[in-house]
């Protein structure tokens, strides 16, 4: 999937556990989240991408 030009993946590891990964430039960010619904897990990753993009944006 792509959010704001950043490709990311969200994969079910166990019921209610999702593993995610995305890359911004040379930096790869990975993690896990707990969510019953896949759409909620995806939204959490999108919010994380937004935070990372905000950190790397020139001020």
Protein backbone atom coordinates (compact mmCIF):
# COMPACT_ATOMS: atom_id res chain seq x y z
CA UNK A 1 0.00 0.00 0.00
CA UNK A 2 1.08 3.60 -0.44
CA UNK A 3 0.43 6.58 1.86
CA UNK A 4 1.75 10.02 0.89
CA UNK A 5 4.27 8.45 -1.46
CA UNK A 6 5.57 5.99 1.15
CA UNK A 7 5.09 2.30 0.44
CA UNK A 8 4.18 0.21 3.48
CA UNK A 9 3.10 -3.31 4.36
CA UNK A 10 0.79 -4.59 7.09
CA UNK A 11 0.71 -8.34 7.75
CA UNK A 12 -1.35 -10.38 10.21
CA UNK A 13 0.96 -12.29 12.56
CA UNK A 14 -1.69 -13.69 14.93
CA UNK A 15 -5.32 -12.86 15.62
CA UNK A 16 -5.35 -9.19 16.55
CA UNK A 17 -1.56 -8.73 16.03
CA UNK A 18 -0.23 -6.93 12.96
CA UNK A 19 3.36 -6.48 11.81
CA UNK A 20 4.09 -3.41 9.71
CA UNK A 21 7.02 -1.92 7.82
CA UNK A 22 7.78 1.15 5.75
CA UNK A 23 10.79 2.94 4.35
CA UNK A 24 11.53 6.66 4.10
CA UNK A 25 14.75 7.25 2.21
CA UNK A 26 17.35 4.92 3.69
CA UNK A 27 15.50 4.57 7.00
CA UNK A 28 13.42 1.41 7.46
CA UNK A 29 10.84 1.51 10.25
CA UNK A 30 9.22 -1.71 11.51
CA UNK A 31 6.86 -2.54 14.34
CA UNK A 32 3.82 -4.36 15.60
CA UNK A 33 0.39 -3.16 16.64
CA UNK A 34 -2.66 -4.71 18.24
CA UNK A 35 -5.97 -4.16 16.47
CA UNK A 36 -8.99 -6.32 15.79
CA UNK A 37 -9.61 -4.84 12.35
CA UNK A 38 -7.12 -4.61 9.51
CA UNK A 39 -8.31 -1.11 8.65
CA UNK A 40 -7.46 0.09 12.15
CA UNK A 41 -3.97 -1.39 11.89
CA UNK A 42 -3.50 0.30 8.50
CA UNK A 43 -4.65 3.66 9.91
CA UNK A 44 -2.16 3.38 12.77
CA UNK A 45 0.67 2.80 10.31
CA UNK A 46 -0.47 5.77 8.24
CA UNK A 47 -0.38 7.97 11.34
CA UNK A 48 3.12 6.70 12.11
CA UNK A 49 4.22 7.54 8.55
CA UNK A 50 2.79 11.05 9.00
CA UNK A 51 4.85 11.49 12.21
CA UNK A 52 8.04 10.27 10.53
CA UNK A 53 7.49 12.54 7.52
CA UNK A 54 6.96 15.49 9.85
CA UNK A 55 10.28 14.73 11.59
CA UNK A 56 12.20 14.63 8.31
CA UNK A 57 10.52 17.70 6.77
CA UNK A 58 12.77 20.76 6.52
CA UNK A 59 11.64 23.60 8.78
